[in-house]
Amino acid sequence: MTTLHDRVRVHEVTLLSDNWYTLKTTAFDWRRNDGQWQRMHRETYDRGNGATLLPCNLAQRTVLLTRQFRYPAFVNGHDDLLIEAAAGLLDNAAPEERIRAEVEEELGYRLGAVQKVFEAFMSPGSVTEKLHFFIAEYEPSMRIGDGGGLAEEGEDIEVLELGIDEALAMVADGRIADAKTVMLLYHAQLHVFPPR
C-alpha cells in the first residue's frame, strides 16, 4: 500500500527561528501524480496543536466569546479587537483537559460535559497546527470568576455573551472574522440550537 511517505523525500531541514515557536525551511522532492519527482522548498511554522470551544446556553440562545487584540490580524489590516471562541495550545495536555482550563482562564466558567465535534488544520499551507473543536452547554451558575486570561501571558480578554442570531449576523457583516469561531458558530446553528 502506497502512503505519502513513499511520495516525499526530505533532503534538508533548516531551522530559521525558535524565538517563540519553530520556523523551519525544508527542501524535499515530491512525486507528482504523473510519477515525476519535483524539488520543492517550503517553510513550516510549528506552534503545537490547540483546542477551541464554544459554550452555548440553549434556553437563552446565547454563546460566550472573547474579544482581544491580535497583532498578526492588526498588521494585516484588521483595525479592531478580534472576536473569538476561547482557545489555546495543548502544551502536552489532552485536548479536553486543556480547553477546560482555557475556558476557566479566558471566560471564567467551569463547564460540565464538553463534546468534541471535529478536528481541522487551519492553515495547512504553512502552519502545522491542528485544532480540536468542542462545544459545551453553560449556565450562569457555572461562572467561577471574571475570566480575562492571564496577564503574565499578555492576555487582556473581554468576555462577550451574545445571542446566537446576533453572533451569526456579526459573521455575515464581518465583525466576527476568526475562522475557528465562524466554524463553531455555524456548527452550533446547524446542530445545537433548535430552529425557532
N, C-alpha and C. Protein backbone atom coordinates (compact mmCIF):
# COMPACT_ATOMS: atom_id res chain seq x y z
N MET A 1 0.85 -1.18 0.00
CA MET A 1 0.00 0.00 0.00
C MET A 1 0.90 1.25 0.00
N THR A 2 0.64 2.15 -0.91
CA THR A 2 1.41 3.38 -1.02
C THR A 2 0.89 4.41 -0.03
N THR A 3 1.82 5.07 0.66
CA THR A 3 1.46 6.15 1.58
C THR A 3 2.16 7.42 1.12
N LEU A 4 1.86 8.52 1.75
CA LEU A 4 2.53 9.78 1.42
C LEU A 4 4.03 9.69 1.68
N HIS A 5 4.43 8.86 2.64
CA HIS A 5 5.85 8.69 2.91
C HIS A 5 6.60 8.16 1.68
N ASP A 6 5.90 7.43 0.80
CA ASP A 6 6.51 6.93 -0.43
C ASP A 6 6.64 8.02 -1.49
N ARG A 7 5.99 9.16 -1.26
CA ARG A 7 5.99 10.23 -2.27
C ARG A 7 6.80 11.45 -1.84
N VAL A 8 7.39 11.41 -0.64
CA VAL A 8 8.16 12.55 -0.13
C VAL A 8 9.56 12.09 0.23
N ARG A 9 10.58 12.81 -0.27
CA ARG A 9 11.97 12.57 0.10
C ARG A 9 12.55 13.87 0.65
N VAL A 10 12.73 13.92 1.94
CA VAL A 10 13.26 15.13 2.58
C VAL A 10 14.77 15.16 2.41
N HIS A 11 15.28 16.32 1.96
CA HIS A 11 16.73 16.46 1.73
C HIS A 11 17.40 17.32 2.79
N GLU A 12 16.80 18.43 3.14
CA GLU A 12 17.46 19.34 4.07
C GLU A 12 16.41 20.13 4.84
N VAL A 13 16.57 20.16 6.17
CA VAL A 13 15.69 20.95 7.03
C VAL A 13 16.57 21.98 7.75
N THR A 14 16.21 23.25 7.62
CA THR A 14 16.98 24.34 8.22
C THR A 14 16.11 25.09 9.21
N LEU A 15 16.60 25.21 10.43
CA LEU A 15 15.89 25.99 11.44
C LEU A 15 16.09 27.47 11.17
N LEU A 16 15.01 28.21 10.98
CA LEU A 16 15.08 29.65 10.74
C LEU A 16 14.90 30.45 12.02
N SER A 17 14.04 29.95 12.91
CA SER A 17 13.79 30.66 14.16
C SER A 17 13.16 29.71 15.17
N ASP A 18 13.56 29.86 16.42
CA ASP A 18 12.86 29.20 17.52
C ASP A 18 12.69 30.19 18.65
N ASN A 19 12.49 31.44 18.26
CA ASN A 19 12.35 32.53 19.23
C ASN A 19 11.07 32.39 20.04
N TRP A 20 9.97 32.12 19.40
CA TRP A 20 8.68 31.95 20.09
C TRP A 20 8.19 30.53 19.89
N TYR A 21 7.99 30.15 18.62
CA TYR A 21 7.72 28.78 18.23
C TYR A 21 8.78 28.41 17.20
N THR A 22 8.56 27.39 16.38
CA THR A 22 9.61 26.89 15.50
C THR A 22 9.28 27.14 14.03
N LEU A 23 10.16 27.87 13.36
CA LEU A 23 10.02 28.13 11.93
C LEU A 23 11.18 27.44 11.22
N LYS A 24 10.84 26.56 10.26
CA LYS A 24 11.85 25.81 9.51
C LYS A 24 11.59 25.97 8.01
N THR A 25 12.65 25.80 7.23
CA THR A 25 12.50 25.66 5.79
C THR A 25 13.02 24.28 5.41
N THR A 26 12.32 23.64 4.49
CA THR A 26 12.65 22.27 4.12
C THR A 26 12.75 22.15 2.61
N ALA A 27 13.81 21.50 2.14
CA ALA A 27 13.94 21.11 0.74
C ALA A 27 13.56 19.64 0.65
N PHE A 28 12.64 19.32 -0.25
CA PHE A 28 12.20 17.94 -0.40
C PHE A 28 11.79 17.69 -1.84
N ASP A 29 11.76 16.43 -2.20
CA ASP A 29 11.24 16.02 -3.51
C ASP A 29 9.85 15.46 -3.30
N TRP A 30 8.95 15.79 -4.20
CA TRP A 30 7.57 15.32 -4.19
C TRP A 30 7.31 14.55 -5.47
N ARG A 31 6.84 13.31 -5.36
CA ARG A 31 6.49 12.55 -6.56
C ARG A 31 5.07 12.93 -6.98
N ARG A 32 5.00 13.56 -8.12
CA ARG A 32 3.73 14.07 -8.64
C ARG A 32 2.82 12.93 -9.10
N ASN A 33 1.59 13.24 -9.39
CA ASN A 33 0.63 12.23 -9.84
C ASN A 33 1.07 11.52 -11.11
N ASP A 34 1.87 12.21 -11.95
CA ASP A 34 2.35 11.58 -13.19
C ASP A 34 3.62 10.75 -12.97
N GLY A 35 4.09 10.63 -11.71
CA GLY A 35 5.25 9.82 -11.39
C GLY A 35 6.57 10.58 -11.38
N GLN A 36 6.60 11.78 -11.87
CA GLN A 36 7.81 12.59 -11.91
C GLN A 36 8.09 13.17 -10.53
N TRP A 37 9.41 13.28 -10.21
CA TRP A 37 9.82 13.88 -8.95
C TRP A 37 10.08 15.37 -9.17
N GLN A 38 9.61 16.20 -8.25
CA GLN A 38 9.79 17.65 -8.34
C GLN A 38 10.39 18.16 -7.03
N ARG A 39 11.46 18.94 -7.12
CA ARG A 39 12.09 19.54 -5.93
C ARG A 39 11.25 20.73 -5.47
N MET A 40 10.99 20.80 -4.18
CA MET A 40 10.22 21.89 -3.60
C MET A 40 10.91 22.40 -2.35
N HIS A 41 10.59 23.64 -1.99
CA HIS A 41 11.06 24.25 -0.74
C HIS A 41 9.83 24.84 -0.04
N ARG A 42 9.66 24.52 1.22
CA ARG A 42 8.52 25.03 1.98
C ARG A 42 8.97 25.44 3.37
N GLU A 43 8.34 26.50 3.88
CA GLU A 43 8.53 26.88 5.28
C GLU A 43 7.36 26.34 6.08
N THR A 44 7.66 25.88 7.29
CA THR A 44 6.61 25.42 8.20
C THR A 44 6.79 26.11 9.55
N TYR A 45 5.66 26.53 10.09
CA TYR A 45 5.65 27.17 11.40
C TYR A 45 4.95 26.21 12.35
N ASP A 46 5.70 25.74 13.34
CA ASP A 46 5.18 24.75 14.29
C ASP A 46 4.98 25.41 15.64
N ARG A 47 3.73 25.59 16.02
CA ARG A 47 3.40 26.17 17.31
C ARG A 47 2.68 25.18 18.20
N GLY A 48 2.63 23.93 17.77
CA GLY A 48 1.91 22.91 18.52
C GLY A 48 0.45 22.87 18.09
N ASN A 49 -0.27 21.90 18.62
CA ASN A 49 -1.70 21.77 18.33
C ASN A 49 -2.50 22.50 19.40
N GLY A 50 -3.77 22.75 19.10
CA GLY A 50 -4.60 23.52 20.02
C GLY A 50 -6.00 22.98 20.14
N ALA A 51 -6.79 23.68 20.94
CA ALA A 51 -8.19 23.33 21.14
C ALA A 51 -8.99 24.62 21.26
N THR A 52 -10.26 24.53 20.86
CA THR A 52 -11.16 25.67 20.94
C THR A 52 -12.55 25.18 21.32
N LEU A 53 -13.33 26.03 21.98
CA LEU A 53 -14.64 25.61 22.49
C LEU A 53 -15.62 26.76 22.44
N LEU A 54 -16.85 26.44 22.05
CA LEU A 54 -17.95 27.41 22.06
C LEU A 54 -18.96 27.00 23.12
N PRO A 55 -19.06 27.76 24.23
CA PRO A 55 -20.11 27.49 25.22
C PRO A 55 -21.45 28.01 24.72
N CYS A 56 -22.50 27.20 24.86
CA CYS A 56 -23.84 27.54 24.37
C CYS A 56 -24.85 27.40 25.50
N ASN A 57 -25.71 28.39 25.64
CA ASN A 57 -26.83 28.31 26.58
C ASN A 57 -28.08 28.14 25.74
N LEU A 58 -28.66 26.94 25.77
CA LEU A 58 -29.78 26.63 24.89
C LEU A 58 -31.03 27.40 25.26
N ALA A 59 -31.30 27.56 26.54
CA ALA A 59 -32.52 28.26 26.96
C ALA A 59 -32.49 29.73 26.56
N GLN A 60 -31.34 30.37 26.76
CA GLN A 60 -31.22 31.80 26.42
C GLN A 60 -30.81 32.02 24.98
N ARG A 61 -30.41 30.96 24.26
CA ARG A 61 -29.92 31.04 22.87
C ARG A 61 -28.72 31.99 22.79
N THR A 62 -27.76 31.80 23.72
CA THR A 62 -26.58 32.65 23.76
C THR A 62 -25.31 31.81 23.66
N VAL A 63 -24.22 32.49 23.32
CA VAL A 63 -22.89 31.88 23.29
C VAL A 63 -21.93 32.82 24.01
N LEU A 64 -20.82 32.25 24.47
CA LEU A 64 -19.77 33.05 25.10
C LEU A 64 -18.57 33.13 24.16
N LEU A 65 -18.09 34.35 23.95
CA LEU A 65 -16.93 34.59 23.09
C LEU A 65 -15.96 35.52 23.79
N THR A 66 -14.78 35.65 23.24
CA THR A 66 -13.78 36.57 23.75
C THR A 66 -13.57 37.70 22.75
N ARG A 67 -13.04 38.82 23.26
CA ARG A 67 -12.60 39.90 22.37
C ARG A 67 -11.24 40.34 22.87
N GLN A 68 -10.24 40.33 21.95
CA GLN A 68 -8.88 40.66 22.35
C GLN A 68 -8.07 41.18 21.17
N PHE A 69 -6.94 41.80 21.48
CA PHE A 69 -6.01 42.31 20.47
C PHE A 69 -5.18 41.16 19.92
N ARG A 70 -5.10 41.10 18.59
CA ARG A 70 -4.27 40.10 17.91
C ARG A 70 -3.36 40.84 16.94
N TYR A 71 -2.07 40.91 17.26
CA TYR A 71 -1.14 41.67 16.44
C TYR A 71 -1.08 41.20 14.98
N PRO A 72 -1.01 39.88 14.69
CA PRO A 72 -0.98 39.47 13.28
C PRO A 72 -2.20 39.94 12.49
N ALA A 73 -3.38 39.93 13.10
CA ALA A 73 -4.57 40.44 12.41
C ALA A 73 -4.47 41.95 12.20
N PHE A 74 -3.93 42.64 13.20
CA PHE A 74 -3.77 44.09 13.11
C PHE A 74 -2.86 44.48 11.95
N VAL A 75 -1.70 43.80 11.82
CA VAL A 75 -0.77 44.17 10.74
C VAL A 75 -1.30 43.76 9.37
N ASN A 76 -2.34 42.92 9.33
CA ASN A 76 -2.97 42.56 8.07
C ASN A 76 -4.23 43.37 7.82
N GLY A 77 -4.37 44.51 8.53
CA GLY A 77 -5.45 45.44 8.22
C GLY A 77 -6.69 45.34 9.07
N HIS A 78 -6.73 44.46 10.04
CA HIS A 78 -7.92 44.36 10.91
C HIS A 78 -7.78 45.39 12.03
N ASP A 79 -8.48 46.49 11.90
CA ASP A 79 -8.32 47.62 12.82
C ASP A 79 -9.36 47.57 13.94
N ASP A 80 -9.44 46.44 14.60
CA ASP A 80 -10.37 46.27 15.71
C ASP A 80 -9.88 45.07 16.53
N LEU A 81 -10.42 44.94 17.73
CA LEU A 81 -10.15 43.74 18.51
C LEU A 81 -10.81 42.56 17.82
N LEU A 82 -10.24 41.37 17.95
CA LEU A 82 -10.77 40.19 17.29
C LEU A 82 -11.72 39.45 18.23
N ILE A 83 -12.87 39.09 17.72
CA ILE A 83 -13.85 38.31 18.48
C ILE A 83 -13.63 36.84 18.15
N GLU A 84 -13.44 36.03 19.21
CA GLU A 84 -13.05 34.64 19.02
C GLU A 84 -13.71 33.72 20.03
N ALA A 85 -13.75 32.44 19.67
CA ALA A 85 -14.07 31.40 20.65
C ALA A 85 -12.85 31.21 21.55
N ALA A 86 -13.08 30.82 22.77
CA ALA A 86 -11.97 30.52 23.69
C ALA A 86 -11.10 29.43 23.07
N ALA A 87 -9.77 29.59 23.19
CA ALA A 87 -8.86 28.64 22.56
C ALA A 87 -7.50 28.71 23.22
N GLY A 88 -6.70 27.68 22.98
CA GLY A 88 -5.34 27.69 23.48
C GLY A 88 -4.57 26.50 22.96
N LEU A 89 -3.26 26.57 23.09
CA LEU A 89 -2.39 25.47 22.70
C LEU A 89 -2.47 24.35 23.72
N LEU A 90 -2.24 23.13 23.26
CA LEU A 90 -2.36 21.97 24.15
C LEU A 90 -1.25 21.90 25.18
N ASP A 91 -0.05 22.33 24.83
CA ASP A 91 1.08 22.30 25.78
C ASP A 91 1.22 20.93 26.43
N ASN A 92 1.18 19.86 25.62
CA ASN A 92 1.35 18.47 26.07
C ASN A 92 0.21 17.95 26.95
N ALA A 93 -0.92 18.64 26.99
CA ALA A 93 -2.09 18.15 27.72
C ALA A 93 -3.08 17.55 26.73
N ALA A 94 -4.02 16.76 27.24
CA ALA A 94 -5.10 16.24 26.40
C ALA A 94 -5.99 17.40 25.96
N PRO A 95 -6.54 17.35 24.76
CA PRO A 95 -7.35 18.47 24.27
C PRO A 95 -8.48 18.88 25.21
N GLU A 96 -9.24 17.92 25.75
CA GLU A 96 -10.35 18.27 26.64
C GLU A 96 -9.85 18.93 27.93
N GLU A 97 -8.77 18.41 28.47
CA GLU A 97 -8.19 18.99 29.69
C GLU A 97 -7.75 20.43 29.43
N ARG A 98 -7.06 20.64 28.32
CA ARG A 98 -6.53 21.97 28.02
C ARG A 98 -7.64 22.97 27.76
N ILE A 99 -8.69 22.57 27.03
CA ILE A 99 -9.73 23.54 26.70
C ILE A 99 -10.55 23.89 27.93
N ARG A 100 -10.72 22.97 28.85
CA ARG A 100 -11.42 23.30 30.10
C ARG A 100 -10.65 24.38 30.86
N ALA A 101 -9.33 24.24 30.93
CA ALA A 101 -8.51 25.24 31.62
C ALA A 101 -8.57 26.58 30.90
N GLU A 102 -8.54 26.57 29.57
CA GLU A 102 -8.62 27.82 28.81
C GLU A 102 -9.94 28.53 29.04
N VAL A 103 -11.04 27.78 29.07
CA VAL A 103 -12.36 28.39 29.30
C VAL A 103 -12.41 29.03 30.68
N GLU A 104 -11.82 28.38 31.68
CA GLU A 104 -11.78 28.98 33.02
C GLU A 104 -10.95 30.26 33.01
N GLU A 105 -9.77 30.23 32.37
CA GLU A 105 -8.90 31.40 32.34
C GLU A 105 -9.49 32.55 31.54
N GLU A 106 -10.02 32.23 30.35
CA GLU A 106 -10.46 33.28 29.44
C GLU A 106 -11.88 33.75 29.70
N LEU A 107 -12.79 32.82 30.03
CA LEU A 107 -14.20 33.16 30.18
C LEU A 107 -14.68 33.18 31.62
N GLY A 108 -13.98 32.50 32.51
CA GLY A 108 -14.38 32.46 33.92
C GLY A 108 -15.47 31.45 34.22
N TYR A 109 -15.60 30.40 33.39
CA TYR A 109 -16.64 29.39 33.59
C TYR A 109 -16.01 28.01 33.77
N ARG A 110 -16.54 27.24 34.72
CA ARG A 110 -16.15 25.84 34.88
C ARG A 110 -17.28 25.00 34.29
N LEU A 111 -17.00 24.34 33.18
CA LEU A 111 -18.02 23.64 32.42
C LEU A 111 -18.27 22.23 32.94
N GLY A 112 -19.45 21.71 32.62
CA GLY A 112 -19.76 20.31 32.86
C GLY A 112 -19.26 19.49 31.68
N ALA A 113 -20.16 18.77 31.05
CA ALA A 113 -19.79 17.92 29.91
C ALA A 113 -19.39 18.78 28.71
N VAL A 114 -18.33 18.37 28.03
CA VAL A 114 -17.94 19.01 26.77
C VAL A 114 -17.99 17.95 25.68
N GLN A 115 -18.26 18.39 24.46
CA GLN A 115 -18.39 17.46 23.34
C GLN A 115 -17.43 17.86 22.24
N LYS A 116 -16.57 16.93 21.85
CA LYS A 116 -15.68 17.19 20.70
C LYS A 116 -16.49 17.01 19.43
N VAL A 117 -16.38 17.99 18.52
CA VAL A 117 -17.20 17.92 17.30
C VAL A 117 -16.37 17.62 16.05
N PHE A 118 -15.11 18.05 16.00
CA PHE A 118 -14.24 17.71 14.87
C PHE A 118 -12.84 18.24 15.13
N GLU A 119 -11.92 17.89 14.23
CA GLU A 119 -10.56 18.42 14.21
C GLU A 119 -10.33 19.03 12.84
N ALA A 120 -9.47 20.05 12.77
CA ALA A 120 -9.19 20.68 11.47
C ALA A 120 -7.83 21.36 11.49
N PHE A 121 -7.17 21.31 10.32
CA PHE A 121 -5.97 22.12 10.09
C PHE A 121 -6.45 23.49 9.62
N MET A 122 -5.94 24.55 10.23
CA MET A 122 -6.47 25.88 9.95
C MET A 122 -5.75 26.61 8.83
N SER A 123 -4.47 26.35 8.64
CA SER A 123 -3.70 26.99 7.58
C SER A 123 -2.61 26.04 7.13
N PRO A 124 -3.01 24.91 6.48
CA PRO A 124 -2.07 23.82 6.23
C PRO A 124 -0.99 24.12 5.19
N GLY A 125 -1.07 25.26 4.52
CA GLY A 125 -0.02 25.61 3.58
C GLY A 125 1.28 26.00 4.25
N SER A 126 1.21 26.40 5.53
CA SER A 126 2.45 26.83 6.20
C SER A 126 2.47 26.55 7.70
N VAL A 127 1.32 26.36 8.34
CA VAL A 127 1.26 26.17 9.78
C VAL A 127 0.88 24.72 10.08
N THR A 128 1.65 24.08 10.96
CA THR A 128 1.42 22.66 11.25
C THR A 128 0.24 22.42 12.20
N GLU A 129 -0.24 23.43 12.87
CA GLU A 129 -1.24 23.29 13.93
C GLU A 129 -2.53 22.62 13.47
N LYS A 130 -2.99 21.66 14.30
CA LYS A 130 -4.31 21.07 14.15
C LYS A 130 -5.12 21.48 15.37
N LEU A 131 -6.35 21.93 15.15
CA LEU A 131 -7.23 22.34 16.25
C LEU A 131 -8.27 21.27 16.53
N HIS A 132 -8.55 21.07 17.82
CA HIS A 132 -9.61 20.19 18.30
C HIS A 132 -10.77 21.12 18.68
N PHE A 133 -11.93 20.92 18.06
CA PHE A 133 -13.10 21.79 18.26
C PHE A 133 -14.10 21.13 19.21
N PHE A 134 -14.55 21.92 20.18
CA PHE A 134 -15.50 21.44 21.19
C PHE A 134 -16.68 22.41 21.31
N ILE A 135 -17.80 21.88 21.79
CA ILE A 135 -18.92 22.69 22.23
C ILE A 135 -19.32 22.19 23.62
N ALA A 136 -20.02 23.04 24.36
CA ALA A 136 -20.50 22.65 25.69
C ALA A 136 -21.65 23.56 26.06
N GLU A 137 -22.54 23.04 26.87
CA GLU A 137 -23.60 23.88 27.42
C GLU A 137 -23.07 24.61 28.65
N TYR A 138 -23.55 25.83 28.85
CA TYR A 138 -23.19 26.58 30.06
C TYR A 138 -24.44 27.18 30.67
N GLU A 139 -24.35 27.41 31.97
CA GLU A 139 -25.40 28.07 32.75
C GLU A 139 -24.72 29.15 33.58
N PRO A 140 -25.46 30.19 33.99
CA PRO A 140 -24.86 31.22 34.83
C PRO A 140 -24.22 30.68 36.10
N SER A 141 -24.76 29.58 36.64
CA SER A 141 -24.22 29.02 37.89
C SER A 141 -22.81 28.44 37.71
N MET A 142 -22.37 28.25 36.48
CA MET A 142 -21.03 27.70 36.21
C MET A 142 -19.94 28.77 36.27
N ARG A 143 -20.34 30.00 36.43
CA ARG A 143 -19.34 31.08 36.45
C ARG A 143 -18.57 31.04 37.76
N ILE A 144 -17.24 31.01 37.67
CA ILE A 144 -16.40 30.95 38.86
C ILE A 144 -15.47 32.15 38.97
N GLY A 145 -15.49 33.03 37.97
CA GLY A 145 -14.62 34.20 38.00
C GLY A 145 -14.92 35.13 36.85
N ASP A 146 -14.09 36.15 36.71
CA ASP A 146 -14.31 37.16 35.68
C ASP A 146 -13.72 36.78 34.33
N GLY A 147 -12.86 35.78 34.29
CA GLY A 147 -12.17 35.46 33.04
C GLY A 147 -11.13 36.54 32.75
N GLY A 148 -10.87 36.76 31.49
CA GLY A 148 -9.91 37.80 31.10
C GLY A 148 -8.54 37.29 30.72
N GLY A 149 -8.26 36.01 30.95
CA GLY A 149 -6.96 35.46 30.58
C GLY A 149 -5.91 35.71 31.63
N LEU A 150 -4.67 35.39 31.26
CA LEU A 150 -3.54 35.53 32.17
C LEU A 150 -2.69 36.72 31.76
N ALA A 151 -2.63 37.72 32.62
CA ALA A 151 -1.86 38.93 32.31
C ALA A 151 -0.40 38.61 32.05
N GLU A 152 0.17 37.63 32.76
CA GLU A 152 1.58 37.29 32.57
C GLU A 152 1.85 36.69 31.19
N GLU A 153 0.80 36.23 30.51
CA GLU A 153 0.93 35.73 29.14
C GLU A 153 0.55 36.80 28.13
N GLY A 154 0.33 38.03 28.60
CA GLY A 154 -0.03 39.12 27.71
C GLY A 154 -1.50 39.13 27.32
N GLU A 155 -2.31 38.34 28.01
CA GLU A 155 -3.74 38.28 27.66
C GLU A 155 -4.49 39.42 28.34
N ASP A 156 -5.37 40.05 27.60
CA ASP A 156 -6.21 41.15 28.07
C ASP A 156 -7.56 40.97 27.38
N ILE A 157 -8.34 40.02 27.91
CA ILE A 157 -9.50 39.48 27.21
C ILE A 157 -10.81 40.01 27.80
N GLU A 158 -11.69 40.44 26.91
CA GLU A 158 -13.05 40.83 27.30
C GLU A 158 -13.98 39.65 27.00
N VAL A 159 -14.88 39.35 27.91
CA VAL A 159 -15.84 38.26 27.72
C VAL A 159 -17.13 38.83 27.14
N LEU A 160 -17.62 38.20 26.08
CA LEU A 160 -18.87 38.61 25.44
C LEU A 160 -19.89 37.49 25.54
N GLU A 161 -21.12 37.85 25.90
CA GLU A 161 -22.24 36.91 25.81
C GLU A 161 -23.17 37.46 24.75
N LEU A 162 -23.32 36.72 23.66
CA LEU A 162 -24.11 37.17 22.52
C LEU A 162 -25.19 36.16 22.19
N GLY A 163 -26.31 36.65 21.70
CA GLY A 163 -27.32 35.76 21.15
C GLY A 163 -26.75 35.08 19.91
N ILE A 164 -27.13 33.83 19.68
CA ILE A 164 -26.60 33.10 18.52
C ILE A 164 -26.96 33.83 17.23
N ASP A 165 -28.16 34.40 17.13
CA ASP A 165 -28.54 35.09 15.90
C ASP A 165 -27.69 36.35 15.70
N GLU A 166 -27.40 37.06 16.79
CA GLU A 166 -26.54 38.24 16.69
C GLU A 166 -25.12 37.84 16.28
N ALA A 167 -24.61 36.76 16.86
CA ALA A 167 -23.26 36.31 16.51
C ALA A 167 -23.18 35.92 15.04
N LEU A 168 -24.19 35.24 14.53
CA LEU A 168 -24.20 34.86 13.12
C LEU A 168 -24.31 36.09 12.22
N ALA A 169 -25.07 37.11 12.65
CA ALA A 169 -25.14 38.36 11.89
C ALA A 169 -23.78 39.05 11.86
N MET A 170 -23.02 38.92 12.95
CA MET A 170 -21.68 39.51 13.02
C MET A 170 -20.70 38.78 12.10
N VAL A 171 -20.92 37.50 11.88
CA VAL A 171 -20.12 36.78 10.88
C VAL A 171 -20.45 37.32 9.50
N ALA A 172 -21.74 37.48 9.23
CA ALA A 172 -22.18 37.91 7.90
C ALA A 172 -21.67 39.31 7.55
N ASP A 173 -21.59 40.20 8.54
CA ASP A 173 -21.15 41.57 8.23
C ASP A 173 -19.67 41.81 8.50
N GLY A 174 -18.94 40.74 8.89
CA GLY A 174 -17.50 40.86 9.03
C GLY A 174 -17.00 41.23 10.41
N ARG A 175 -17.87 41.46 11.38
CA ARG A 175 -17.40 41.80 12.72
C ARG A 175 -16.76 40.60 13.41
N ILE A 176 -17.19 39.40 13.05
CA ILE A 176 -16.51 38.18 13.50
C ILE A 176 -15.81 37.61 12.28
N ALA A 177 -14.46 37.60 12.33
CA ALA A 177 -13.67 37.22 11.15
C ALA A 177 -12.65 36.13 11.48
N ASP A 178 -12.76 35.51 12.64
CA ASP A 178 -11.84 34.45 13.04
C ASP A 178 -12.39 33.11 12.58
N ALA A 179 -11.57 32.34 11.84
CA ALA A 179 -12.05 31.11 11.20
C ALA A 179 -12.59 30.08 12.19
N LYS A 180 -11.87 29.83 13.28
CA LYS A 180 -12.33 28.80 14.22
C LYS A 180 -13.68 29.17 14.82
N THR A 181 -13.86 30.46 15.06
CA THR A 181 -15.11 30.94 15.64
C THR A 181 -16.26 30.82 14.65
N VAL A 182 -16.01 31.18 13.40
CA VAL A 182 -17.03 31.04 12.36
C VAL A 182 -17.45 29.59 12.24
N MET A 183 -16.48 28.68 12.24
CA MET A 183 -16.80 27.26 12.11
C MET A 183 -17.66 26.77 13.28
N LEU A 184 -17.31 27.18 14.50
CA LEU A 184 -18.09 26.74 15.66
C LEU A 184 -19.48 27.36 15.67
N LEU A 185 -19.60 28.60 15.27
CA LEU A 185 -20.92 29.24 15.25
C LEU A 185 -21.84 28.57 14.23
N TYR A 186 -21.32 28.25 13.05
CA TYR A 186 -22.15 27.57 12.06
C TYR A 186 -22.48 26.15 12.51
N HIS A 187 -21.54 25.48 13.18
CA HIS A 187 -21.85 24.16 13.73
C HIS A 187 -22.98 24.27 14.75
N ALA A 188 -22.90 25.27 15.63
CA ALA A 188 -23.94 25.47 16.64
C ALA A 188 -25.29 25.76 15.99
N GLN A 189 -25.28 26.57 14.96
CA GLN A 189 -26.54 26.88 14.26
C GLN A 189 -27.16 25.61 13.69
N LEU A 190 -26.33 24.74 13.11
CA LEU A 190 -26.85 23.54 12.46
C LEU A 190 -27.20 22.42 13.44
N HIS A 191 -26.43 22.30 14.53
CA HIS A 191 -26.54 21.09 15.35
C HIS A 191 -26.89 21.30 16.82
N VAL A 192 -26.81 22.54 17.31
CA VAL A 192 -27.01 22.77 18.73
C VAL A 192 -28.32 23.51 19.01
N PHE A 193 -28.51 24.64 18.35
CA PHE A 193 -29.68 25.45 18.63
C PHE A 193 -30.85 25.02 17.75
N PRO A 194 -31.97 24.64 18.37
CA PRO A 194 -33.12 24.25 17.55
C PRO A 194 -33.67 25.45 16.79
N PRO A 195 -34.15 25.24 15.57
CA PRO A 195 -34.74 26.37 14.83
C PRO A 195 -35.97 26.89 15.55
N ARG A 196 -36.20 28.17 15.40
CA ARG A 196 -37.38 28.77 16.05
C ARG A 196 -38.62 28.52 15.24
